[in-house]
């Protein structure tokens, strides 16, 4: 049976860190070969990891925090 998106999401960290079980690696890569959504998720997580690991600090635009808070309140 092919790996589902939900199963892949549970392995994203292991996949990106290179610690995924060898028997799952092939399944993850096969799934990523046809699922654009999961490929985007993996790319996004990888980008976040790179950004967090980057020690540079940058200023957020004025009012960003307040806009983010309001948007989150409206979403949830």
PDB file of N, CA and C in Angstrom:
ATOM      1  N   UNK A   1       0.843  -1.185   0.000  1.00  0.00           N
ATOM      2  CA  UNK A   1       0.000   0.000   0.000  1.00  0.00           C
ATOM      3  C   UNK A   1       0.886   1.246   0.000  1.00  0.00           C
ATOM      4  N   UNK A   2       0.508   2.236  -0.768  1.00  0.00           N
ATOM      5  CA  UNK A   2       1.286   3.474  -0.869  1.00  0.00           C
ATOM      6  C   UNK A   2       1.157   4.298   0.409  1.00  0.00           C
ATOM      7  N   UNK A   3       2.195   5.030   0.705  1.00  0.00           N
ATOM      8  CA  UNK A   3       2.209   5.911   1.875  1.00  0.00           C
ATOM      9  C   UNK A   3       1.196   7.032   1.677  1.00  0.00           C
ATOM     10  N   UNK A   4       0.445   7.340   2.717  1.00  0.00           N
ATOM     11  CA  UNK A   4      -0.523   8.432   2.654  1.00  0.00           C
ATOM     12  C   UNK A   4       0.165   9.746   3.022  1.00  0.00           C
ATOM     13  N   UNK A   5      -0.499  10.829   2.726  1.00  0.00           N
ATOM     14  CA  UNK A   5       0.031  12.145   3.091  1.00  0.00           C
ATOM     15  C   UNK A   5       0.232  12.239   4.603  1.00  0.00           C
ATOM     16  N   UNK A   6      -0.738  11.779   5.353  1.00  0.00           N
ATOM     17  CA  UNK A   6      -0.658  11.840   6.816  1.00  0.00           C
ATOM     18  C   UNK A   6       0.556  11.053   7.334  1.00  0.00           C
ATOM     19  N   UNK A   7       0.805   9.902   6.754  1.00  0.00           N
ATOM     20  CA  UNK A   7       1.967   9.104   7.153  1.00  0.00           C
ATOM     21  C   UNK A   7       3.260   9.828   6.820  1.00  0.00           C
ATOM     22  N   UNK A   8       3.291  10.472   5.665  1.00  0.00           N
ATOM     23  CA  UNK A   8       4.484  11.224   5.284  1.00  0.00           C
ATOM     24  C   UNK A   8       4.719  12.380   6.252  1.00  0.00           C
ATOM     25  N   UNK A   9       3.668  13.098   6.607  1.00  0.00           N
ATOM     26  CA  UNK A   9       3.813  14.248   7.506  1.00  0.00           C
ATOM     27  C   UNK A   9       4.428  13.832   8.833  1.00  0.00           C
ATOM     28  N   UNK A  10       4.134  12.612   9.278  1.00  0.00           N
ATOM     29  CA  UNK A  10       4.696  12.128  10.537  1.00  0.00           C
ATOM     30  C   UNK A  10       6.197  11.869  10.430  1.00  0.00           C
ATOM     31  N   UNK A  11       6.695  11.759   9.215  1.00  0.00           N
ATOM     32  CA  UNK A  11       8.105  11.456   8.997  1.00  0.00           C
ATOM     33  C   UNK A  11       8.900  12.638   8.441  1.00  0.00           C
ATOM     34  N   UNK A  12       8.265  13.786   8.276  1.00  0.00           N
ATOM     35  CA  UNK A  12       8.940  14.934   7.646  1.00  0.00           C
ATOM     36  C   UNK A  12      10.239  15.285   8.368  1.00  0.00           C
ATOM     37  N   UNK A  13      10.209  15.404   9.676  1.00  0.00           N
ATOM     38  CA  UNK A  13      11.419  15.783  10.416  1.00  0.00           C
ATOM     39  C   UNK A  13      12.519  14.754  10.227  1.00  0.00           C
ATOM     40  N   UNK A  14      12.167  13.485  10.334  1.00  0.00           N
ATOM     41  CA  UNK A  14      13.165  12.436  10.147  1.00  0.00           C
ATOM     42  C   UNK A  14      13.745  12.472   8.736  1.00  0.00           C
ATOM     43  N   UNK A  15      12.894  12.719   7.752  1.00  0.00           N
ATOM     44  CA  UNK A  15      13.344  12.775   6.363  1.00  0.00           C
ATOM     45  C   UNK A  15      14.323  13.932   6.153  1.00  0.00           C
ATOM     46  N   UNK A  16      13.958  15.102   6.642  1.00  0.00           N
ATOM     47  CA  UNK A  16      14.804  16.283   6.462  1.00  0.00           C
ATOM     48  C   UNK A  16      16.121  16.138   7.214  1.00  0.00           C
ATOM     49  N   UNK A  17      16.069  15.556   8.404  1.00  0.00           N
ATOM     50  CA  UNK A  17      17.282  15.387   9.212  1.00  0.00           C
ATOM     51  C   UNK A  17      18.141  14.215   8.739  1.00  0.00           C
ATOM     52  N   UNK A  18      17.603  13.392   7.844  1.00  0.00           N
ATOM     53  CA  UNK A  18      18.349  12.247   7.351  1.00  0.00           C
ATOM     54  C   UNK A  18      18.389  11.079   8.324  1.00  0.00           C
ATOM     55  N   UNK A  19      17.430  11.061   9.246  1.00  0.00           N
ATOM     56  CA  UNK A  19      17.389   9.988  10.250  1.00  0.00           C
ATOM     57  C   UNK A  19      16.215   9.047  10.032  1.00  0.00           C
ATOM     58  N   UNK A  20      15.599   9.126   8.881  1.00  0.00           N
ATOM     59  CA  UNK A  20      14.440   8.284   8.595  1.00  0.00           C
ATOM     60  C   UNK A  20      14.878   6.822   8.462  1.00  0.00           C
ATOM     61  N   UNK A  21      14.024   5.929   8.892  1.00  0.00           N
ATOM     62  CA  UNK A  21      14.308   4.498   8.790  1.00  0.00           C
ATOM     63  C   UNK A  21      14.488   4.130   7.316  1.00  0.00           C
ATOM     64  N   UNK A  22      15.489   3.344   7.015  1.00  0.00           N
ATOM     65  CA  UNK A  22      15.767   2.989   5.614  1.00  0.00           C
ATOM     66  C   UNK A  22      14.567   2.400   4.879  1.00  0.00           C
ATOM     67  N   UNK A  23      13.741   1.622   5.559  1.00  0.00           N
ATOM     68  CA  UNK A  23      12.585   1.029   4.896  1.00  0.00           C
ATOM     69  C   UNK A  23      11.517   2.062   4.538  1.00  0.00           C
ATOM     70  N   UNK A  24      11.526   3.213   5.213  1.00  0.00           N
ATOM     71  CA  UNK A  24      10.553   4.274   4.914  1.00  0.00           C
ATOM     72  C   UNK A  24      11.067   5.263   3.872  1.00  0.00           C
ATOM     73  N   UNK A  25      12.374   5.360   3.720  1.00  0.00           N
ATOM     74  CA  UNK A  25      12.954   6.345   2.802  1.00  0.00           C
ATOM     75  C   UNK A  25      12.406   6.176   1.392  1.00  0.00           C
ATOM     76  N   UNK A  26      12.382   4.974   0.893  1.00  0.00           N
ATOM     77  CA  UNK A  26      11.867   4.723  -0.451  1.00  0.00           C
ATOM     78  C   UNK A  26      10.402   5.095  -0.583  1.00  0.00           C
ATOM     79  N   UNK A  27       9.627   4.796   0.455  1.00  0.00           N
ATOM     80  CA  UNK A  27       8.200   5.146   0.428  1.00  0.00           C
ATOM     81  C   UNK A  27       7.997   6.653   0.402  1.00  0.00           C
ATOM     82  N   UNK A  28       8.780   7.373   1.221  1.00  0.00           N
ATOM     83  CA  UNK A  28       8.671   8.835   1.253  1.00  0.00           C
ATOM     84  C   UNK A  28       9.040   9.408  -0.104  1.00  0.00           C
ATOM     85  N   UNK A  29      10.141   8.962  -0.673  1.00  0.00           N
ATOM     86  CA  UNK A  29      10.586   9.502  -1.955  1.00  0.00           C
ATOM     87  C   UNK A  29       9.611   9.162  -3.079  1.00  0.00           C
ATOM     88  N   UNK A  30       9.016   7.976  -3.038  1.00  0.00           N
ATOM     89  CA  UNK A  30       8.008   7.612  -4.039  1.00  0.00           C
ATOM     90  C   UNK A  30       6.788   8.518  -3.902  1.00  0.00           C
ATOM     91  N   UNK A  31       6.376   8.780  -2.688  1.00  0.00           N
ATOM     92  CA  UNK A  31       5.215   9.652  -2.455  1.00  0.00           C
ATOM     93  C   UNK A  31       5.516  11.074  -2.940  1.00  0.00           C
ATOM     94  N   UNK A  32       6.701  11.573  -2.617  1.00  0.00           N
ATOM     95  CA  UNK A  32       7.068  12.930  -3.021  1.00  0.00           C
ATOM     96  C   UNK A  32       7.178  13.071  -4.537  1.00  0.00           C
ATOM     97  N   UNK A  33       7.438  11.980  -5.218  1.00  0.00           N
ATOM     98  CA  UNK A  33       7.570  12.014  -6.674  1.00  0.00           C
ATOM     99  C   UNK A  33       6.234  12.330  -7.365  1.00  0.00           C
ATOM    100  N   UNK A  34       5.109  12.017  -6.709  1.00  0.00           N
ATOM    101  CA  UNK A  34       3.822  12.282  -7.352  1.00  0.00           C
ATOM    102  C   UNK A  34       2.936  13.268  -6.588  1.00  0.00           C
ATOM    103  N   UNK A  35       3.243  13.572  -5.333  1.00  0.00           N
ATOM    104  CA  UNK A  35       2.356  14.438  -4.538  1.00  0.00           C
ATOM    105  C   UNK A  35       2.956  15.837  -4.417  1.00  0.00           C
ATOM    106  N   UNK A  36       2.420  16.751  -5.206  1.00  0.00           N
ATOM    107  CA  UNK A  36       2.928  18.136  -5.182  1.00  0.00           C
ATOM    108  C   UNK A  36       2.697  18.797  -3.830  1.00  0.00           C
ATOM    109  N   UNK A  37       1.577  18.466  -3.176  1.00  0.00           N
ATOM    110  CA  UNK A  37       1.263  19.074  -1.890  1.00  0.00           C
ATOM    111  C   UNK A  37       2.317  18.696  -0.847  1.00  0.00           C
ATOM    112  N   UNK A  38       2.608  17.410  -0.742  1.00  0.00           N
ATOM    113  CA  UNK A  38       3.598  16.975   0.247  1.00  0.00           C
ATOM    114  C   UNK A  38       4.998  17.469  -0.107  1.00  0.00           C
ATOM    115  N   UNK A  39       5.299  17.554  -1.393  1.00  0.00           N
ATOM    116  CA  UNK A  39       6.589  18.118  -1.805  1.00  0.00           C
ATOM    117  C   UNK A  39       6.708  19.561  -1.333  1.00  0.00           C
ATOM    118  N   UNK A  40       5.612  20.303  -1.436  1.00  0.00           N
ATOM    119  CA  UNK A  40       5.614  21.692  -0.974  1.00  0.00           C
ATOM    120  C   UNK A  40       5.766  21.757   0.547  1.00  0.00           C
ATOM    121  N   UNK A  41       5.128  20.845   1.257  1.00  0.00           N
ATOM    122  CA  UNK A  41       5.253  20.800   2.716  1.00  0.00           C
ATOM    123  C   UNK A  41       6.704  20.544   3.106  1.00  0.00           C
ATOM    124  N   UNK A  42       7.328  19.549   2.480  1.00  0.00           N
ATOM    125  CA  UNK A  42       8.722  19.221   2.794  1.00  0.00           C
ATOM    126  C   UNK A  42       9.633  20.398   2.468  1.00  0.00           C
ATOM    127  N   UNK A  43       9.429  21.033   1.317  1.00  0.00           N
ATOM    128  CA  UNK A  43      10.239  22.203   0.962  1.00  0.00           C
ATOM    129  C   UNK A  43      10.050  23.330   1.964  1.00  0.00           C
ATOM    130  N   UNK A  44       8.807  23.555   2.382  1.00  0.00           N
ATOM    131  CA  UNK A  44       8.528  24.605   3.357  1.00  0.00           C
ATOM    132  C   UNK A  44       9.185  24.338   4.699  1.00  0.00           C
ATOM    133  N   UNK A  45       9.088  23.116   5.172  1.00  0.00           N
ATOM    134  CA  UNK A  45       9.716  22.761   6.452  1.00  0.00           C
ATOM    135  C   UNK A  45      11.227  22.907   6.340  1.00  0.00           C
ATOM    136  N   UNK A  46      11.783  22.455   5.223  1.00  0.00           N
ATOM    137  CA  UNK A  46      13.229  22.579   5.017  1.00  0.00           C
ATOM    138  C   UNK A  46      13.643  24.060   5.040  1.00  0.00           C
ATOM    139  N   UNK A  47      12.860  24.912   4.412  1.00  0.00           N
ATOM    140  CA  UNK A  47      13.158  26.352   4.410  1.00  0.00           C
ATOM    141  C   UNK A  47      13.106  26.936   5.811  1.00  0.00           C
ATOM    142  N   UNK A  48      12.125  26.524   6.599  1.00  0.00           N
ATOM    143  CA  UNK A  48      12.017  27.012   7.980  1.00  0.00           C
ATOM    144  C   UNK A  48      13.239  26.581   8.784  1.00  0.00           C
ATOM    145  N   UNK A  49      13.655  25.333   8.610  1.00  0.00           N
ATOM    146  CA  UNK A  49      14.829  24.834   9.332  1.00  0.00           C
ATOM    147  C   UNK A  49      16.056  25.662   8.962  1.00  0.00           C
ATOM    148  N   UNK A  50      16.221  25.959   7.681  1.00  0.00           N
ATOM    149  CA  UNK A  50      17.366  26.759   7.225  1.00  0.00           C
ATOM    150  C   UNK A  50      17.292  28.163   7.824  1.00  0.00           C
ATOM    151  N   UNK A  51      16.119  28.764   7.818  1.00  0.00           N
ATOM    152  CA  UNK A  51      15.970  30.117   8.364  1.00  0.00           C
ATOM    153  C   UNK A  51      16.222  30.160   9.860  1.00  0.00           C
ATOM    154  N   UNK A  52      15.733  29.170  10.578  1.00  0.00           N
ATOM    155  CA  UNK A  52      15.926  29.144  12.028  1.00  0.00           C
ATOM    156  C   UNK A  52      17.396  28.910  12.362  1.00  0.00           C
ATOM    157  N   UNK A  53      18.057  28.106  11.572  1.00  0.00           N
ATOM    158  CA  UNK A  53      19.472  27.814  11.824  1.00  0.00           C
ATOM    159  C   UNK A  53      20.371  28.997  11.465  1.00  0.00           C
ATOM    160  N   UNK A  54      19.867  29.897  10.635  1.00  0.00           N
ATOM    161  CA  UNK A  54      20.631  31.073  10.234  1.00  0.00           C
ATOM    162  C   UNK A  54      20.673  32.041  11.407  1.00  0.00           C
ATOM    163  N   UNK A  55      21.841  32.436  11.804  1.00  0.00           N
ATOM    164  CA  UNK A  55      21.988  33.283  12.991  1.00  0.00           C
ATOM    165  C   UNK A  55      21.744  34.768  12.727  1.00  0.00           C
ATOM    166  N   UNK A  56      21.491  35.107  11.482  1.00  0.00           N
ATOM    167  CA  UNK A  56      21.240  36.523  11.192  1.00  0.00           C
ATOM    168  C   UNK A  56      19.906  36.961  11.787  1.00  0.00           C
ATOM    169  N   UNK A  57      19.846  38.181  12.202  1.00  0.00           N
ATOM    170  CA  UNK A  57      18.630  38.756  12.765  1.00  0.00           C
ATOM    171  C   UNK A  57      18.169  39.862  11.813  1.00  0.00           C
ATOM    172  N   UNK A  58      16.880  39.935  11.589  1.00  0.00           N
ATOM    173  CA  UNK A  58      16.367  40.985  10.722  1.00  0.00           C
ATOM    174  C   UNK A  58      15.135  41.603  11.359  1.00  0.00           C
ATOM    175  N   UNK A  59      14.915  42.834  11.022  1.00  0.00           N
ATOM    176  CA  UNK A  59      13.782  43.592  11.557  1.00  0.00           C
ATOM    177  C   UNK A  59      12.506  43.222  10.820  1.00  0.00           C
ATOM    178  N   UNK A  60      11.435  43.022  11.566  1.00  0.00           N
ATOM    179  CA  UNK A  60      10.133  42.820  10.959  1.00  0.00           C
ATOM    180  C   UNK A  60       9.523  44.179  10.655  1.00  0.00           C
ATOM    181  N   UNK A  61       8.669  44.255   9.647  1.00  0.00           N
ATOM    182  CA  UNK A  61       8.020  45.532   9.329  1.00  0.00           C
ATOM    183  C   UNK A  61       7.211  46.041  10.524  1.00  0.00           C
ATOM    184  N   UNK A  62       7.125  47.343  10.644  1.00  0.00           N
ATOM    185  CA  UNK A  62       6.354  47.966  11.718  1.00  0.00           C
ATOM    186  C   UNK A  62       4.911  47.481  11.640  1.00  0.00           C
ATOM    187  N   UNK A  63       4.376  47.045  12.766  1.00  0.00           N
ATOM    188  CA  UNK A  63       2.995  46.593  12.849  1.00  0.00           C
ATOM    189  C   UNK A  63       2.795  45.127  12.471  1.00  0.00           C
ATOM    190  N   UNK A  64       3.848  44.443  12.101  1.00  0.00           N
ATOM    191  CA  UNK A  64       3.722  43.044  11.671  1.00  0.00           C
ATOM    192  C   UNK A  64       3.115  42.171  12.770  1.00  0.00           C
ATOM    193  N   UNK A  65       3.635  42.304  13.982  1.00  0.00           N
ATOM    194  CA  UNK A  65       3.158  41.486  15.092  1.00  0.00           C
ATOM    195  C   UNK A  65       1.667  41.671  15.339  1.00  0.00           C
ATOM    196  N   UNK A  66       1.216  42.900  15.309  1.00  0.00           N
ATOM    197  CA  UNK A  66      -0.202  43.178  15.541  1.00  0.00           C
ATOM    198  C   UNK A  66      -1.067  42.623  14.411  1.00  0.00           C
ATOM    199  N   UNK A  67      -0.613  42.780  13.166  1.00  0.00           N
ATOM    200  CA  UNK A  67      -1.366  42.223  12.030  1.00  0.00           C
ATOM    201  C   UNK A  67      -1.430  40.708  12.107  1.00  0.00           C
ATOM    202  N   UNK A  68      -0.332  40.085  12.481  1.00  0.00           N
ATOM    203  CA  UNK A  68      -0.298  38.633  12.609  1.00  0.00           C
ATOM    204  C   UNK A  68      -1.261  38.170  13.703  1.00  0.00           C
ATOM    205  N   UNK A  69      -1.248  38.850  14.834  1.00  0.00           N
ATOM    206  CA  UNK A  69      -2.130  38.498  15.940  1.00  0.00           C
ATOM    207  C   UNK A  69      -3.595  38.584  15.514  1.00  0.00           C
ATOM    208  N   UNK A  70      -3.964  39.654  14.822  1.00  0.00           N
ATOM    209  CA  UNK A  70      -5.352  39.816  14.377  1.00  0.00           C
ATOM    210  C   UNK A  70      -5.741  38.729  13.382  1.00  0.00           C
ATOM    211  N   UNK A  71      -4.831  38.417  12.471  1.00  0.00           N
ATOM    212  CA  UNK A  71      -5.133  37.379  11.499  1.00  0.00           C
ATOM    213  C   UNK A  71      -5.332  36.020  12.158  1.00  0.00           C
ATOM    214  N   UNK A  72      -4.494  35.711  13.124  1.00  0.00           N
ATOM    215  CA  UNK A  72      -4.621  34.446  13.834  1.00  0.00           C
ATOM    216  C   UNK A  72      -5.919  34.392  14.627  1.00  0.00           C
ATOM    217  N   UNK A  73      -6.285  35.512  15.233  1.00  0.00           N
ATOM    218  CA  UNK A  73      -7.555  35.548  15.970  1.00  0.00           C
ATOM    219  C   UNK A  73      -8.725  35.304  15.027  1.00  0.00           C
ATOM    220  N   UNK A  74      -8.668  35.854  13.812  1.00  0.00           N
ATOM    221  CA  UNK A  74      -9.739  35.667  12.845  1.00  0.00           C
ATOM    222  C   UNK A  74      -9.789  34.242  12.291  1.00  0.00           C
ATOM    223  N   UNK A  75      -8.632  33.627  12.182  1.00  0.00           N
ATOM    224  CA  UNK A  75      -8.553  32.259  11.642  1.00  0.00           C
ATOM    225  C   UNK A  75      -9.018  31.219  12.655  1.00  0.00           C
ATOM    226  N   UNK A  76      -8.697  31.453  13.917  1.00  0.00           N
ATOM    227  CA  UNK A  76      -8.986  30.451  14.937  1.00  0.00           C
ATOM    228  C   UNK A  76      -9.959  31.022  15.910  1.00  0.00           C
TER     229      UNK A  76
END
